[in-house]
Amino acid sequence: MKSTDRILDTLKREGSVSAKTLAQSLGMTTMGVRQHLQSLEREGLVDFEDVRAKVGRPTRHWSLTASGHSRFADSHNDLSITLIDSVQDVFGEQGVEKVIAQREARTLAQYQDALKDCDNLEAKLQTLAYLRESEGYMAELQQDGADYILIEHHCPICHAAKTCPALCRSEIQLFQRLLGNAYRIEREEHIVSGQRRCTYRIGEKT
C-alpha cells in the first residue's frame, strides 16, 4: 500500500490526528508525513485544524474531507439504490422489507457458521469484527470495562442505507439474533446520522 493510501486509511480509522501521531503510527518521519499531507491537501482529500493547547503552540490536526471519505468504496452504491427503488415501485414497501429480511437471514447463517466454535462473547465478537472487516466495514473491537465496543469506521452500504433506513435497523437485529437475548446491543454512533463511524456497545444484560 502506498504511503498516501496508508495515511488516508489511518485518518479514516482514527479521525483527526497530528502529523507526529501519524508518523509514529505508520513508522515514517514526521517531515515525510507532512509532505504527503500537503500533497493530499492540494488534491482536496484532507484538511487541517489548528488545535490550541494549554501550553505552547497550537497543534495541527488533519482529517479527511468529504472527497477523502468518498475515496473509500461504497460497494452497494448506485446499483443497490436503483434495485431498492425498483423493488419498491413493483412490490411496495412490503416487498422491500422482504428483500431486507432475506438478506439478513442469509448473512445470519453465514455468521453463525463462522461463530459456531466460539465459546465466549469475546471470541464471538473478535470473529464478528474480522468478518465485518473483510466485508469493508473497517471494523475493530475494543473493551470498555465489562462491555465491548464494536467499531466500524466505514459503511459500505451507507448510500443505500440513507435511501432505505430499514437496512440500518436490520444490522442491529442481525447482531442481536447472532448473539442472543442474553446480551444488550446499543448503537452509540451512526455514520448515516452524520457521525464519522458506527459504534455498538455490547454487554451482558443485568
C-alpha atoms as a PDB file:
ATOM      1  CA  MET A   1       0.000   0.000   0.000  1.00  0.00           C
ATOM      2  CA  LYS A   2       1.337   3.448  -0.944  1.00  0.00           C
ATOM      3  CA  SER A   3       2.227   5.870   1.837  1.00  0.00           C
ATOM      4  CA  THR A   4      -0.586   8.232   0.870  1.00  0.00           C
ATOM      5  CA  ASP A   5      -3.096   5.370   0.960  1.00  0.00           C
ATOM      6  CA  ARG A   6      -1.812   4.344   4.399  1.00  0.00           C
ATOM      7  CA  ILE A   7      -2.280   7.921   5.610  1.00  0.00           C
ATOM      8  CA  LEU A   8      -5.828   8.091   4.229  1.00  0.00           C
ATOM      9  CA  ASP A   9      -6.640   4.709   5.780  1.00  0.00           C
ATOM     10  CA  THR A  10      -5.347   5.834   9.194  1.00  0.00           C
ATOM     11  CA  LEU A  11      -7.298   9.104   9.057  1.00  0.00           C
ATOM     12  CA  LYS A  12     -10.427   7.140   8.157  1.00  0.00           C
ATOM     13  CA  ARG A  13      -9.946   4.898  11.177  1.00  0.00           C
ATOM     14  CA  GLU A  14      -8.650   7.425  13.710  1.00  0.00           C
ATOM     15  CA  GLY A  15     -10.346  10.682  12.757  1.00  0.00           C
ATOM     16  CA  SER A  16      -8.474  13.932  13.408  1.00  0.00           C
ATOM     17  CA  VAL A  17      -4.771  13.351  14.239  1.00  0.00           C
ATOM     18  CA  SER A  18      -1.495  15.242  14.103  1.00  0.00           C
ATOM     19  CA  ALA A  19       1.322  14.597  11.637  1.00  0.00           C
ATOM     20  CA  LYS A  20       3.505  13.427  14.529  1.00  0.00           C
ATOM     21  CA  THR A  21       0.907  10.854  15.610  1.00  0.00           C
ATOM     22  CA  LEU A  22       0.553   9.667  12.016  1.00  0.00           C
ATOM     23  CA  ALA A  23       4.317   9.329  11.693  1.00  0.00           C
ATOM     24  CA  GLN A  24       4.564   7.249  14.870  1.00  0.00           C
ATOM     25  CA  SER A  25       1.650   5.053  13.819  1.00  0.00           C
ATOM     26  CA  LEU A  26       2.985   4.417  10.313  1.00  0.00           C
ATOM     27  CA  GLY A  27       6.715   4.218  11.097  1.00  0.00           C
ATOM     28  CA  MET A  28       7.506   7.253   8.939  1.00  0.00           C
ATOM     29  CA  THR A  29       9.312  10.520   9.568  1.00  0.00           C
ATOM     30  CA  THR A  30       7.178  13.481  10.591  1.00  0.00           C
ATOM     31  CA  MET A  31       8.634  15.501   7.712  1.00  0.00           C
ATOM     32  CA  GLY A  32       7.709  12.768   5.237  1.00  0.00           C
ATOM     33  CA  VAL A  33       4.149  12.596   6.564  1.00  0.00           C
ATOM     34  CA  ARG A  34       3.788  16.378   6.336  1.00  0.00           C
ATOM     35  CA  GLN A  35       4.884  16.309   2.697  1.00  0.00           C
ATOM     36  CA  HIS A  36       2.297  13.643   1.893  1.00  0.00           C
ATOM     37  CA  LEU A  37      -0.395  15.567   3.793  1.00  0.00           C
ATOM     38  CA  GLN A  38       0.355  18.744   1.851  1.00  0.00           C
ATOM     39  CA  SER A  39       0.041  16.791  -1.396  1.00  0.00           C
ATOM     40  CA  LEU A  40      -3.263  15.262  -0.245  1.00  0.00           C
ATOM     41  CA  GLU A  41      -4.475  18.733   0.802  1.00  0.00           C
ATOM     42  CA  ARG A  42      -3.801  20.050  -2.707  1.00  0.00           C
ATOM     43  CA  GLU A  43      -5.917  17.178  -4.048  1.00  0.00           C
ATOM     44  CA  GLY A  44      -8.721  18.185  -1.691  1.00  0.00           C
ATOM     45  CA  LEU A  45      -8.638  14.880   0.208  1.00  0.00           C
ATOM     46  CA  VAL A  46      -7.531  16.170   3.623  1.00  0.00           C
ATOM     47  CA  ASP A  47      -7.879  19.376   5.611  1.00  0.00           C
ATOM     48  CA  PHE A  48      -6.460  20.609   8.893  1.00  0.00           C
ATOM     49  CA  GLU A  49      -7.452  22.469  12.025  1.00  0.00           C
ATOM     50  CA  ASP A  50      -5.035  24.125  14.444  1.00  0.00           C
ATOM     51  CA  VAL A  51      -5.955  22.966  17.952  1.00  0.00           C
ATOM     52  CA  ARG A  52      -4.847  25.203  20.787  1.00  0.00           C
ATOM     53  CA  ALA A  53      -3.068  23.555  23.694  1.00  0.00           C
ATOM     54  CA  LYS A  54      -2.946  24.799  27.298  1.00  0.00           C
ATOM     55  CA  VAL A  55       0.790  25.393  26.908  1.00  0.00           C
ATOM     56  CA  GLY A  56       2.812  26.087  23.780  1.00  0.00           C
ATOM     57  CA  ARG A  57       1.908  26.451  20.147  1.00  0.00           C
ATOM     58  CA  PRO A  58      -1.279  25.065  18.589  1.00  0.00           C
ATOM     59  CA  THR A  59      -1.067  21.545  17.139  1.00  0.00           C
ATOM     60  CA  ARG A  60      -2.191  20.981  13.564  1.00  0.00           C
ATOM     61  CA  HIS A  61      -4.672  18.103  13.314  1.00  0.00           C
ATOM     62  CA  TRP A  62      -5.501  16.538   9.964  1.00  0.00           C
ATOM     63  CA  SER A  63      -8.700  14.815   8.886  1.00  0.00           C
ATOM     64  CA  LEU A  64     -10.428  13.615   5.737  1.00  0.00           C
ATOM     65  CA  THR A  65     -12.600  15.925   3.671  1.00  0.00           C
ATOM     66  CA  ALA A  66     -15.837  14.727   2.084  1.00  0.00           C
ATOM     67  CA  SER A  67     -13.798  13.911  -1.046  1.00  0.00           C
ATOM     68  CA  GLY A  68     -11.362  11.953   1.109  1.00  0.00           C
ATOM     69  CA  HIS A  69     -14.166   9.887   2.614  1.00  0.00           C
ATOM     70  CA  SER A  70     -15.557   9.213  -0.855  1.00  0.00           C
ATOM     71  CA  ARG A  71     -12.273   7.501  -1.810  1.00  0.00           C
ATOM     72  CA  PHE A  72     -13.376   4.529   0.281  1.00  0.00           C
ATOM     73  CA  ALA A  73     -15.551   2.237  -1.766  1.00  0.00           C
ATOM     74  CA  ASP A  74     -19.270   2.009  -1.239  1.00  0.00           C
ATOM     75  CA  SER A  75     -19.838  -1.476  -2.628  1.00  0.00           C
ATOM     76  CA  HIS A  76     -23.624  -1.062  -2.624  1.00  0.00           C
ATOM     77  CA  ASN A  77     -23.944   2.414  -4.082  1.00  0.00           C
ATOM     78  CA  ASP A  78     -25.902   3.299  -7.219  1.00  0.00           C
ATOM     79  CA  LEU A  79     -26.844  -0.267  -8.155  1.00  0.00           C
ATOM     80  CA  SER A  80     -28.363  -1.025  -4.733  1.00  0.00           C
ATOM     81  CA  ILE A  81     -30.279   2.241  -4.649  1.00  0.00           C
ATOM     82  CA  THR A  82     -31.682   1.525  -8.115  1.00  0.00           C
ATOM     83  CA  LEU A  83     -32.649  -2.008  -7.079  1.00  0.00           C
ATOM     84  CA  ILE A  84     -34.326  -0.783  -3.874  1.00  0.00           C
ATOM     85  CA  ASP A  85     -36.298   1.813  -5.846  1.00  0.00           C
ATOM     86  CA  SER A  86     -37.323  -0.830  -8.392  1.00  0.00           C
ATOM     87  CA  VAL A  87     -38.472  -3.295  -5.726  1.00  0.00           C
ATOM     88  CA  GLN A  88     -40.447  -0.532  -4.024  1.00  0.00           C
ATOM     89  CA  ASP A  89     -42.090   0.522  -7.294  1.00  0.00           C
ATOM     90  CA  VAL A  90     -43.070  -3.031  -8.246  1.00  0.00           C
ATOM     91  CA  PHE A  91     -43.801  -4.665  -4.865  1.00  0.00           C
ATOM     92  CA  GLY A  92     -44.257  -1.727  -2.497  1.00  0.00           C
ATOM     93  CA  GLU A  93     -42.737  -1.195   0.930  1.00  0.00           C
ATOM     94  CA  GLN A  94     -43.626  -4.732   1.964  1.00  0.00           C
ATOM     95  CA  GLY A  95     -41.520  -6.069  -0.895  1.00  0.00           C
ATOM     96  CA  VAL A  96     -38.510  -4.051   0.280  1.00  0.00           C
ATOM     97  CA  GLU A  97     -38.933  -5.402   3.799  1.00  0.00           C
ATOM     98  CA  LYS A  98     -38.975  -8.982   2.441  1.00  0.00           C
ATOM     99  CA  VAL A  99     -35.765  -8.415   0.482  1.00  0.00           C
ATOM    100  CA  ILE A 100     -34.026  -6.951   3.545  1.00  0.00           C
ATOM    101  CA  ALA A 101     -35.272  -9.829   5.717  1.00  0.00           C
ATOM    102  CA  GLN A 102     -33.882 -12.349   3.227  1.00  0.00           C
ATOM    103  CA  ARG A 103     -30.516 -10.549   3.181  1.00  0.00           C
ATOM    104  CA  GLU A 104     -30.471 -10.555   6.981  1.00  0.00           C
ATOM    105  CA  ALA A 105     -31.299 -14.282   7.160  1.00  0.00           C
ATOM    106  CA  ARG A 106     -28.580 -15.173   4.659  1.00  0.00           C
ATOM    107  CA  THR A 107     -25.955 -13.080   6.457  1.00  0.00           C
ATOM    108  CA  LEU A 108     -27.022 -14.519   9.818  1.00  0.00           C
ATOM    109  CA  ALA A 109     -26.492 -18.065   8.548  1.00  0.00           C
ATOM    110  CA  GLN A 110     -23.003 -17.167   7.312  1.00  0.00           C
ATOM    111  CA  TYR A 111     -22.079 -15.512  10.605  1.00  0.00           C
ATOM    112  CA  GLN A 112     -23.497 -18.352  12.700  1.00  0.00           C
ATOM    113  CA  ASP A 113     -21.366 -20.836  10.789  1.00  0.00           C
ATOM    114  CA  ALA A 114     -18.260 -18.724  11.377  1.00  0.00           C
ATOM    115  CA  LEU A 115     -19.009 -18.376  15.127  1.00  0.00           C
ATOM    116  CA  LYS A 116     -20.006 -21.985  15.802  1.00  0.00           C
ATOM    117  CA  ASP A 117     -16.717 -22.837  17.589  1.00  0.00           C
ATOM    118  CA  CYS A 118     -16.568 -19.619  19.655  1.00  0.00           C
ATOM    119  CA  ASP A 119     -17.265 -20.436  23.313  1.00  0.00           C
ATOM    120  CA  ASN A 120     -17.470 -16.940  24.860  1.00  0.00           C
ATOM    121  CA  LEU A 121     -18.608 -13.426  24.000  1.00  0.00           C
ATOM    122  CA  GLU A 122     -15.141 -12.037  23.337  1.00  0.00           C
ATOM    123  CA  ALA A 123     -14.308 -14.813  20.878  1.00  0.00           C
ATOM    124  CA  LYS A 124     -17.621 -14.276  19.101  1.00  0.00           C
ATOM    125  CA  LEU A 125     -17.075 -10.537  18.821  1.00  0.00           C
ATOM    126  CA  GLN A 126     -13.477 -10.911  17.638  1.00  0.00           C
ATOM    127  CA  THR A 127     -14.712 -13.203  14.874  1.00  0.00           C
ATOM    128  CA  LEU A 128     -17.583 -10.838  14.055  1.00  0.00           C
ATOM    129  CA  ALA A 129     -15.141  -7.916  13.810  1.00  0.00           C
ATOM    130  CA  TYR A 130     -12.979  -9.979  11.453  1.00  0.00           C
ATOM    131  CA  LEU A 131     -15.992 -10.793   9.272  1.00  0.00           C
ATOM    132  CA  ARG A 132     -17.089  -7.177   9.136  1.00  0.00           C
ATOM    133  CA  GLU A 133     -13.544  -6.040   8.354  1.00  0.00           C
ATOM    134  CA  SER A 134     -13.424  -8.473   5.422  1.00  0.00           C
ATOM    135  CA  GLU A 135     -16.715  -7.009   4.151  1.00  0.00           C
ATOM    136  CA  GLY A 136     -15.299  -3.477   4.020  1.00  0.00           C
ATOM    137  CA  TYR A 137     -16.561  -2.031   7.308  1.00  0.00           C
ATOM    138  CA  MET A 138     -13.035  -1.273   8.616  1.00  0.00           C
ATOM    139  CA  ALA A 139     -14.078  -2.926  11.862  1.00  0.00           C
ATOM    140  CA  GLU A 140     -12.275  -3.382  15.162  1.00  0.00           C
ATOM    141  CA  LEU A 141     -13.167  -4.467  18.680  1.00  0.00           C
ATOM    142  CA  GLN A 142     -12.314  -2.618  21.880  1.00  0.00           C
ATOM    143  CA  GLN A 143     -13.131  -3.364  25.506  1.00  0.00           C
ATOM    144  CA  ASP A 144     -14.647  -0.754  27.823  1.00  0.00           C
ATOM    145  CA  GLY A 145     -14.971  -2.135  31.329  1.00  0.00           C
ATOM    146  CA  ALA A 146     -17.357  -5.060  31.236  1.00  0.00           C
ATOM    147  CA  ASP A 147     -18.631  -4.037  27.783  1.00  0.00           C
ATOM    148  CA  TYR A 148     -17.215  -4.408  24.309  1.00  0.00           C
ATOM    149  CA  ILE A 149     -17.326  -1.732  21.621  1.00  0.00           C
ATOM    150  CA  LEU A 150     -17.606  -2.898  18.021  1.00  0.00           C
ATOM    151  CA  ILE A 151     -16.339  -0.036  15.869  1.00  0.00           C
ATOM    152  CA  GLU A 152     -16.984   0.296  12.145  1.00  0.00           C
ATOM    153  CA  HIS A 153     -15.030   3.165  10.612  1.00  0.00           C
ATOM    154  CA  HIS A 154     -16.651   2.766   7.200  1.00  0.00           C
ATOM    155  CA  CYS A 155     -20.075   1.731   5.956  1.00  0.00           C
ATOM    156  CA  PRO A 156     -20.083   0.071   2.512  1.00  0.00           C
ATOM    157  CA  ILE A 157     -23.893   0.280   2.409  1.00  0.00           C
ATOM    158  CA  CYS A 158     -24.089   3.925   3.533  1.00  0.00           C
ATOM    159  CA  HIS A 159     -25.746   5.378   0.417  1.00  0.00           C
ATOM    160  CA  ALA A 160     -28.248   2.547   0.223  1.00  0.00           C
ATOM    161  CA  ALA A 161     -28.994   2.883   3.961  1.00  0.00           C
ATOM    162  CA  LYS A 162     -29.733   6.614   3.551  1.00  0.00           C
ATOM    163  CA  THR A 163     -32.313   5.697   0.922  1.00  0.00           C
ATOM    164  CA  CYS A 164     -33.633   2.754   2.933  1.00  0.00           C
ATOM    165  CA  PRO A 165     -33.250   3.196   6.746  1.00  0.00           C
ATOM    166  CA  ALA A 166     -34.541  -0.358   7.266  1.00  0.00           C
ATOM    167  CA  LEU A 167     -31.063  -1.576   6.283  1.00  0.00           C
ATOM    168  CA  CYS A 168     -29.612   0.036   9.417  1.00  0.00           C
ATOM    169  CA  ARG A 169     -32.343  -1.453  11.611  1.00  0.00           C
ATOM    170  CA  SER A 170     -31.541  -4.813  10.065  1.00  0.00           C
ATOM    171  CA  GLU A 171     -27.881  -4.535  11.130  1.00  0.00           C
ATOM    172  CA  ILE A 172     -28.775  -4.284  14.829  1.00  0.00           C
ATOM    173  CA  GLN A 173     -31.372  -7.034  14.514  1.00  0.00           C
ATOM    174  CA  LEU A 174     -28.724  -9.217  12.880  1.00  0.00           C
ATOM    175  CA  PHE A 175     -26.249  -8.712  15.730  1.00  0.00           C
ATOM    176  CA  GLN A 176     -28.970  -9.345  18.326  1.00  0.00           C
ATOM    177  CA  ARG A 177     -30.106 -12.576  16.667  1.00  0.00           C
ATOM    178  CA  LEU A 178     -26.495 -13.686  16.310  1.00  0.00           C
ATOM    179  CA  LEU A 179     -25.539 -13.128  19.973  1.00  0.00           C
ATOM    180  CA  GLY A 180     -28.876 -13.914  21.611  1.00  0.00           C
ATOM    181  CA  ASN A 181     -31.136 -12.137  24.072  1.00  0.00           C
ATOM    182  CA  ALA A 182     -28.701 -12.549  26.967  1.00  0.00           C
ATOM    183  CA  TYR A 183     -26.798  -9.576  25.578  1.00  0.00           C
ATOM    184  CA  ARG A 184     -27.738  -5.934  25.001  1.00  0.00           C
ATOM    185  CA  ILE A 185     -26.609  -4.089  21.885  1.00  0.00           C
ATOM    186  CA  GLU A 186     -26.761  -0.297  21.673  1.00  0.00           C
ATOM    187  CA  ARG A 187     -25.679   1.799  18.699  1.00  0.00           C
ATOM    188  CA  GLU A 188     -23.864   4.824  20.121  1.00  0.00           C
ATOM    189  CA  GLU A 189     -22.525   6.421  16.925  1.00  0.00           C
ATOM    190  CA  HIS A 190     -24.028   6.271  13.449  1.00  0.00           C
ATOM    191  CA  ILE A 191     -22.461   7.202  10.103  1.00  0.00           C
ATOM    192  CA  VAL A 192     -25.841   7.712   8.433  1.00  0.00           C
ATOM    193  CA  SER A 193     -26.686  10.276  11.154  1.00  0.00           C
ATOM    194  CA  GLY A 194     -23.603  12.295  10.259  1.00  0.00           C
ATOM    195  CA  GLN A 195     -21.038  10.858  12.663  1.00  0.00           C
ATOM    196  CA  ARG A 196     -17.697   9.613  11.353  1.00  0.00           C
ATOM    197  CA  ARG A 197     -18.196   5.959  12.378  1.00  0.00           C
ATOM    198  CA  CYS A 198     -20.705   3.447  13.712  1.00  0.00           C
ATOM    199  CA  THR A 199     -20.142   2.051  17.188  1.00  0.00           C
ATOM    200  CA  TYR A 200     -22.055  -0.651  19.019  1.00  0.00           C
ATOM    201  CA  ARG A 201     -21.835  -1.171  22.784  1.00  0.00           C
ATOM    202  CA  ILE A 202     -22.321  -4.837  23.625  1.00  0.00           C
ATOM    203  CA  GLY A 203     -22.531  -6.472  27.039  1.00  0.00           C
ATOM    204  CA  GLU A 204     -24.434  -8.843  29.241  1.00  0.00           C
ATOM    205  CA  LYS A 205     -27.922  -7.818  30.339  1.00  0.00           C
ATOM    206  CA  THR A 206     -28.210  -7.106  34.049  1.00  0.00           C
END
